[in-house]
Amino acid sequence: MLRYPALVAAALVATLPVLAQQDPAADYPNRPVKIIVSVPAGGGVDTVTRIFAARLQQRLGQPFVIENRGGGGGNIGAEAVYTAEPDGYTLLATQPAPITSNIALYKKLNFDPVALEPVAVMSKFPNVLLVRQDFSAKTVQEFIAYAKANPGKVTYASQGPGTTSHLTAELFAKATGTKMLHVPYRGTGPALNDLVAGHVDFIFMELASAHKLHDAGKSRILAVATEKRLDSLPDIPTLIEVGLPDFVSDTWNAISAPPKTPGSDHRQAQPGDQRYPQRAGHQGAVPRTQPHGRRRQPAGHGEAQEGGDRALDQGHPRCRHSGGVNGHRLALTQ
């Protein structure tokens, strides 16, 4: 199973130098810090943030209070932080969408994602194809054949428009020549609840959440969107293996601060500080998700890759979040 504490510990080490810079007298924080989570309670972003906050509270001696503001593909929470005082006492925990792809997917945003200050990457996981337990297809090949034979009848859940679960499923439909029905939700929890209840057929979900349901027999992982098979799921094929070249999708969750927050600018990072790194997150943070073979440097957090679809080829110019696609390579999220 995945070890969230190990992941969060790595993120904590990366974040502490940033927080210490908030106050020249080094007394930050001297009162509670609010972390606004851009999704409802119960999802991957929320879970990681709560562990992250508990470690920060233990280390820094002040409460880190979680406030969930889901909806709008993460835009509601992002807007709340964007307009907050830039004093380090209001932070944003989010999936990539509101700070990468939403700028291309929404006609108008009430905040400027470019202006949000990058602080730290909390987690990064590969995505998997997760189906309801009683779905008739037992393999991904059977799943694709069923979708082709029943155009518009297969339903897929997402955490909302513009999230990686949405965009990965659309990419999957295009790559397989299938037509499926999108059912958007306001976060991971509601989407997975309906998947387990059998109200929707499948979702592209990050491994941490999907693995628990798979192990519990509440849903099934048919394939992983990685270059190589995962050590934790050696019998589950990659989508590349079943005939979708370069189909790689992963997700990450990050902490941001309001514009002009002192000390949070990524250009001030010291050597070894991994605040919104240009290349993939915290190496070794989740060793059991490592695919067989060499470690892949994922597209997430790198420069936007050339030739991508405009709706995906959007990044945070200051911290160089990549929402780019190269072939079928996708790095956004949850």
Protein backbone atom coordinates (compact mmCIF):
# COMPACT_ATOMS: atom_id res chain seq x y z
CA MET A 1 0.00 0.00 0.00
CA LEU A 2 1.03 3.59 -0.52
CA ARG A 3 2.61 5.40 2.40
CA TYR A 4 1.14 8.89 2.67
CA PRO A 5 3.27 9.80 5.73
CA ALA A 6 6.47 9.18 3.78
CA LEU A 7 5.22 11.32 0.94
CA VAL A 8 4.15 14.13 3.22
CA ALA A 9 7.41 14.04 5.14
CA ALA A 10 9.25 14.70 1.88
CA ALA A 11 6.94 17.58 1.04
CA LEU A 12 7.30 18.96 4.56
CA VAL A 13 11.06 19.19 4.25
CA ALA A 14 10.61 21.09 1.00
CA THR A 15 8.08 23.51 2.44
CA LEU A 16 9.63 24.52 5.74
CA PRO A 17 12.30 26.78 4.18
CA VAL A 18 9.51 28.67 2.39
CA LEU A 19 7.44 29.17 5.51
CA ALA A 20 10.44 30.29 7.50
CA GLN A 21 11.01 33.09 5.01
CA GLN A 22 7.57 34.60 5.61
CA ASP A 23 8.77 36.61 8.63
CA PRO A 24 12.22 38.18 8.89
CA ALA A 25 12.08 37.63 12.64
CA ALA A 26 11.63 33.91 12.00
CA ASP A 27 8.53 33.81 14.19
CA TYR A 28 6.24 32.57 11.42
CA PRO A 29 3.70 31.33 12.13
CA ASN A 30 2.60 33.13 15.27
CA ARG A 31 -1.10 32.37 14.77
CA PRO A 32 -3.21 29.70 13.00
CA VAL A 33 -2.71 29.19 9.26
CA LYS A 34 -5.67 28.40 7.01
CA ILE A 35 -5.26 26.00 4.08
CA ILE A 36 -8.10 26.24 1.58
CA VAL A 37 -8.52 22.92 -0.27
CA SER A 38 -9.99 23.31 -3.74
CA VAL A 39 -12.01 20.05 -3.56
CA PRO A 40 -14.60 18.63 -1.13
CA ALA A 41 -13.49 16.52 1.82
CA GLY A 42 -12.56 12.91 1.17
CA GLY A 43 -10.54 13.12 -2.04
CA GLY A 44 -6.84 12.71 -2.66
CA VAL A 45 -5.99 16.41 -2.41
CA ASP A 46 -7.92 16.66 0.85
CA THR A 47 -6.33 13.55 2.37
CA VAL A 48 -2.77 14.54 1.57
CA THR A 49 -3.36 18.12 2.73
CA ARG A 50 -4.68 17.00 6.11
CA ILE A 51 -1.62 14.86 6.77
CA PHE A 52 0.59 17.65 5.46
CA ALA A 53 -1.12 20.15 7.79
CA ALA A 54 -0.78 17.86 10.81
CA ARG A 55 2.97 17.55 10.23
CA LEU A 56 3.34 21.30 9.85
CA GLN A 57 1.37 21.91 13.03
CA GLN A 58 3.55 19.43 14.89
CA ARG A 59 6.72 21.00 13.58
CA LEU A 60 5.80 24.69 13.78
CA GLY A 61 3.57 24.72 16.86
CA GLN A 62 0.56 26.49 15.35
CA PRO A 63 -2.73 25.04 14.02
CA PHE A 64 -3.00 24.55 10.25
CA VAL A 65 -6.76 24.65 9.69
CA ILE A 66 -8.33 22.94 6.65
CA GLU A 67 -11.22 24.63 4.84
CA ASN A 68 -12.74 22.79 1.86
CA ARG A 69 -14.08 24.98 -0.95
CA GLY A 70 -14.82 22.63 -3.82
CA GLY A 71 -16.54 23.34 -7.10
CA GLY A 72 -15.81 25.05 -10.39
CA GLY A 73 -12.96 22.68 -11.20
CA GLY A 74 -11.05 24.13 -8.24
CA ASN A 75 -11.64 27.74 -9.25
CA ILE A 76 -13.71 28.64 -6.18
CA GLY A 77 -10.94 27.75 -3.76
CA ALA A 78 -8.27 29.32 -5.94
CA GLU A 79 -10.18 32.60 -6.15
CA ALA A 80 -10.55 32.71 -2.36
CA VAL A 81 -6.79 32.42 -1.89
CA TYR A 82 -6.04 34.81 -4.74
CA THR A 83 -7.93 37.59 -2.95
CA ALA A 84 -6.56 36.78 0.53
CA GLU A 85 -3.95 38.86 2.32
CA PRO A 86 -0.44 37.91 1.14
CA ASP A 87 0.84 37.28 4.65
CA GLY A 88 1.40 33.52 4.57
CA TYR A 89 -1.63 32.77 6.75
CA THR A 90 -3.88 31.66 3.89
CA LEU A 91 -2.64 28.93 1.56
CA LEU A 92 -4.16 26.96 -1.32
CA ALA A 93 -4.04 23.18 -1.69
CA THR A 94 -5.08 22.12 -5.14
CA GLN A 95 -5.04 19.71 -8.01
CA PRO A 96 -3.34 21.10 -11.15
CA ALA A 97 -6.50 22.22 -12.98
CA PRO A 98 -7.07 25.67 -11.39
CA ILE A 99 -3.42 26.64 -11.77
CA THR A 100 -2.79 25.07 -15.20
CA SER A 101 -5.52 24.01 -17.63
CA ASN A 102 -8.55 25.96 -16.38
CA ILE A 103 -7.23 29.16 -17.92
CA ALA A 104 -7.82 27.52 -21.31
CA LEU A 105 -11.06 25.75 -20.43
CA TYR A 106 -13.06 28.60 -18.86
CA LYS A 107 -14.07 31.76 -20.69
CA LYS A 108 -13.44 33.87 -17.62
CA LEU A 109 -11.58 33.32 -14.36
CA ASN A 110 -11.94 35.70 -11.42
CA PHE A 111 -8.30 35.19 -10.54
CA ASP A 112 -4.96 35.09 -12.34
CA PRO A 113 -3.34 31.66 -11.89
CA VAL A 114 -0.02 33.11 -13.05
CA ALA A 115 0.06 35.41 -10.02
CA LEU A 116 -0.39 32.68 -7.39
CA GLU A 117 2.90 32.02 -5.62
CA PRO A 118 4.21 28.43 -5.76
CA VAL A 119 5.16 26.90 -2.42
CA ALA A 120 5.48 23.10 -2.59
CA VAL A 121 4.42 19.92 -4.36
CA MET A 122 2.77 17.61 -1.82
CA SER A 123 2.28 14.46 -3.88
CA LYS A 124 2.50 12.87 -7.31
CA PHE A 125 0.82 9.63 -8.42
CA PRO A 126 0.17 7.81 -11.69
CA ASN A 127 -3.41 7.47 -12.94
CA VAL A 128 -5.21 4.18 -13.55
CA LEU A 129 -8.33 2.99 -15.38
CA LEU A 130 -10.77 2.05 -12.60
CA VAL A 131 -14.12 0.38 -13.40
CA ARG A 132 -17.11 -0.51 -11.23
CA GLN A 133 -16.85 -3.96 -9.70
CA ASP A 134 -19.66 -5.55 -11.72
CA PHE A 135 -18.73 -4.13 -15.11
CA SER A 136 -18.88 -6.92 -17.70
CA ALA A 137 -15.43 -6.31 -19.18
CA LYS A 138 -12.67 -8.14 -17.32
CA THR A 139 -9.75 -6.76 -19.34
CA VAL A 140 -9.00 -3.39 -20.90
CA GLN A 141 -9.26 -4.99 -24.37
CA GLU A 142 -12.78 -6.17 -23.53
CA PHE A 143 -13.56 -2.73 -22.12
CA ILE A 144 -12.55 -0.98 -25.35
CA ALA A 145 -14.51 -3.50 -27.43
CA TYR A 146 -17.61 -2.94 -25.29
CA ALA A 147 -17.30 0.84 -25.58
CA LYS A 148 -16.99 0.60 -29.37
CA ALA A 149 -20.04 -1.66 -29.56
CA ASN A 150 -22.08 0.67 -27.33
CA PRO A 151 -21.29 4.25 -28.38
CA GLY A 152 -22.47 6.88 -25.92
CA LYS A 153 -23.63 4.32 -23.34
CA VAL A 154 -20.48 3.91 -21.26
CA THR A 155 -20.31 6.58 -18.55
CA TYR A 156 -17.20 7.96 -16.91
CA ALA A 157 -16.90 10.06 -13.78
CA SER A 158 -14.53 12.94 -13.16
CA GLN A 159 -13.76 15.32 -10.30
CA GLY A 160 -15.03 18.11 -12.52
CA PRO A 161 -14.47 19.68 -15.94
CA GLY A 162 -10.82 20.21 -16.75
CA THR A 163 -9.45 17.81 -14.16
CA THR A 164 -7.10 15.06 -15.22
CA SER A 165 -9.77 12.40 -14.76
CA HIS A 166 -11.83 14.30 -17.34
CA LEU A 167 -9.04 15.09 -19.78
CA THR A 168 -7.48 11.62 -19.55
CA ALA A 169 -10.82 9.99 -20.32
CA GLU A 170 -11.31 12.27 -23.33
CA LEU A 171 -7.83 11.43 -24.50
CA PHE A 172 -8.60 7.74 -24.02
CA ALA A 173 -11.80 8.04 -26.04
CA LYS A 174 -9.96 9.78 -28.86
CA ALA A 175 -7.13 7.23 -28.86
CA THR A 176 -9.52 4.26 -28.92
CA GLY A 177 -12.09 5.72 -31.30
CA THR A 178 -14.88 5.42 -28.76
CA LYS A 179 -17.67 7.74 -27.62
CA MET A 180 -18.49 7.86 -23.92
CA LEU A 181 -20.63 10.02 -21.64
CA HIS A 182 -18.96 12.39 -19.16
CA VAL A 183 -20.51 12.67 -15.67
CA PRO A 184 -18.69 15.45 -13.74
CA TYR A 185 -18.68 15.60 -9.93
CA ARG A 186 -17.50 18.13 -7.37
CA GLY A 187 -14.46 16.20 -6.24
CA THR A 188 -13.03 12.71 -5.85
CA GLY A 189 -15.23 11.54 -2.97
CA PRO A 190 -18.62 11.93 -4.70
CA ALA A 191 -17.24 10.48 -7.93
CA LEU A 192 -15.86 7.36 -6.27
CA ASN A 193 -19.00 6.91 -4.19
CA ASP A 194 -21.09 6.70 -7.34
CA LEU A 195 -18.55 4.41 -9.02
CA VAL A 196 -18.73 1.99 -6.09
CA ALA A 197 -22.53 2.24 -6.09
CA GLY A 198 -22.59 1.34 -9.79
CA HIS A 199 -24.06 4.63 -11.00
CA VAL A 200 -21.14 5.26 -13.40
CA ASP A 201 -18.95 2.79 -15.26
CA PHE A 202 -15.39 4.01 -14.84
CA ILE A 203 -13.00 6.79 -13.93
CA PHE A 204 -9.37 7.58 -14.50
CA MET A 205 -8.17 7.90 -10.92
CA GLU A 206 -4.88 8.47 -9.16
CA LEU A 207 -3.33 5.28 -7.82
CA ALA A 208 -3.56 6.08 -4.10
CA SER A 209 -7.36 6.23 -4.07
CA ALA A 210 -7.90 3.54 -6.70
CA HIS A 211 -5.60 1.02 -5.01
CA LYS A 212 -7.72 1.00 -1.83
CA LEU A 213 -10.93 0.27 -3.73
CA HIS A 214 -9.20 -2.36 -5.87
CA ASP A 215 -7.78 -4.18 -2.83
CA ALA A 216 -11.14 -4.00 -1.03
CA GLY A 217 -12.94 -5.56 -4.01
CA LYS A 218 -15.16 -2.51 -4.46
CA SER A 219 -13.89 -1.71 -7.97
CA ARG A 220 -11.27 -3.01 -10.38
CA ILE A 221 -8.16 -1.52 -11.95
CA LEU A 222 -7.98 -2.66 -15.56
CA ALA A 223 -4.85 -0.78 -16.63
CA VAL A 224 -2.27 1.74 -15.46
CA ALA A 225 -1.29 4.88 -17.37
CA THR A 226 2.45 4.47 -16.86
CA GLU A 227 5.36 3.55 -19.12
CA LYS A 228 6.06 0.32 -17.20
CA ARG A 229 4.02 -1.92 -14.94
CA LEU A 230 3.91 -0.93 -11.28
CA ASP A 231 5.62 -3.02 -8.62
CA SER A 232 2.48 -2.80 -6.47
CA LEU A 233 0.28 -4.07 -9.36
CA PRO A 234 2.51 -6.43 -11.33
CA ASP A 235 -0.41 -8.23 -13.00
CA ILE A 236 -2.09 -5.06 -14.28
CA PRO A 237 -1.01 -4.05 -17.82
CA THR A 238 -0.15 -0.56 -18.98
CA LEU A 239 -2.28 1.14 -21.60
CA ILE A 240 0.81 1.19 -23.78
CA GLU A 241 0.89 -2.62 -23.68
CA VAL A 242 -2.66 -2.86 -24.99
CA GLY A 243 -1.96 -0.74 -28.04
CA LEU A 244 -2.08 2.92 -26.97
CA PRO A 245 1.43 4.24 -27.65
CA ASP A 246 2.81 6.80 -25.16
CA PHE A 247 -0.40 6.84 -23.10
CA VAL A 248 1.01 8.14 -19.81
CA SER A 249 -0.99 10.17 -17.29
CA ASP A 250 -0.16 11.21 -13.76
CA THR A 251 -1.39 13.68 -11.18
CA TRP A 252 0.09 15.94 -8.54
CA ASN A 253 -1.16 18.14 -5.73
CA ALA A 254 0.46 21.40 -4.69
CA ILE A 255 0.45 24.26 -2.20
CA SER A 256 0.25 27.87 -3.43
CA ALA A 257 0.09 31.26 -1.70
CA PRO A 258 -1.65 34.53 -2.60
CA PRO A 259 0.09 36.84 -5.06
CA LYS A 260 3.02 38.82 -3.65
CA THR A 261 3.35 36.67 -0.53
CA PRO A 262 6.88 37.41 0.79
CA GLY A 263 9.39 34.62 0.55
CA SER A 264 7.26 32.25 -1.54
CA ASP A 265 8.60 33.09 -5.00
CA HIS A 266 10.06 29.95 -6.54
CA ARG A 267 13.07 31.85 -7.83
CA GLN A 268 14.29 32.23 -4.26
CA ALA A 269 14.53 28.48 -3.79
CA GLN A 270 17.78 27.28 -2.30
CA PRO A 271 19.65 24.26 -3.71
CA GLY A 272 17.71 21.13 -2.83
CA ASP A 273 14.48 23.01 -2.16
CA GLN A 274 11.81 21.32 -4.28
CA ARG A 275 9.12 23.98 -4.41
CA TYR A 276 7.25 23.38 -7.66
CA PRO A 277 10.33 21.80 -9.26
CA GLN A 278 10.77 22.01 -12.99
CA ARG A 279 10.96 18.26 -13.17
CA ALA A 280 8.92 15.77 -11.32
CA GLY A 281 8.26 16.22 -7.70
CA HIS A 282 9.92 14.44 -4.82
CA GLN A 283 12.08 11.59 -6.00
CA GLY A 284 11.61 8.46 -3.96
CA ALA A 285 8.68 9.83 -1.97
CA VAL A 286 6.44 6.90 -2.95
CA PRO A 287 8.82 4.07 -3.81
CA ARG A 288 6.15 1.39 -4.18
CA THR A 289 4.54 3.16 -7.10
CA GLN A 290 7.79 3.00 -9.05
CA PRO A 291 7.35 1.18 -12.37
CA HIS A 292 9.63 -1.70 -13.22
CA GLY A 293 12.76 -0.47 -14.93
CA ARG A 294 14.19 3.06 -14.96
CA ARG A 295 12.48 5.96 -13.19
CA ARG A 296 10.51 8.15 -15.55
CA GLN A 297 10.89 11.91 -15.30
CA PRO A 298 7.23 12.85 -15.78
CA ALA A 299 5.90 15.73 -17.77
CA GLY A 300 4.33 17.36 -14.71
CA HIS A 301 6.11 20.51 -13.48
CA GLY A 302 8.33 20.69 -16.56
CA GLU A 303 8.05 23.11 -19.47
CA ALA A 304 4.94 22.71 -21.55
CA GLN A 305 5.69 20.20 -24.28
CA GLU A 306 5.48 21.21 -27.91
CA GLY A 307 2.71 20.02 -30.12
CA GLY A 308 0.12 19.74 -27.34
CA ASP A 309 -3.54 20.41 -27.57
CA ARG A 310 -4.18 24.03 -26.51
CA ALA A 311 -6.63 22.98 -23.78
CA LEU A 312 -3.89 20.88 -22.21
CA ASP A 313 -0.79 22.81 -23.19
CA GLN A 314 -1.16 25.40 -20.44
CA GLY A 315 1.31 25.87 -17.61
CA HIS A 316 2.03 28.17 -14.70
CA PRO A 317 4.67 30.47 -16.25
CA ARG A 318 6.34 31.23 -12.96
CA CYS A 319 6.70 27.69 -11.63
CA ARG A 320 6.50 26.05 -15.05
CA HIS A 321 3.68 23.63 -14.29
CA SER A 322 3.21 21.52 -17.34
CA GLY A 323 -0.21 20.69 -18.55
CA GLY A 324 1.19 19.62 -21.86
CA VAL A 325 0.55 16.60 -24.02
CA ASN A 326 3.06 14.89 -26.24
CA GLY A 327 1.40 12.13 -28.16
CA HIS A 328 -0.78 10.64 -25.43
CA ARG A 329 1.35 11.90 -22.54
CA LEU A 330 -0.65 13.78 -19.95
CA ALA A 331 0.42 15.30 -16.65
CA LEU A 332 -2.32 17.17 -14.86
CA THR A 333 -4.74 15.61 -12.22
CA GLN A 334 -7.04 15.09 -9.78
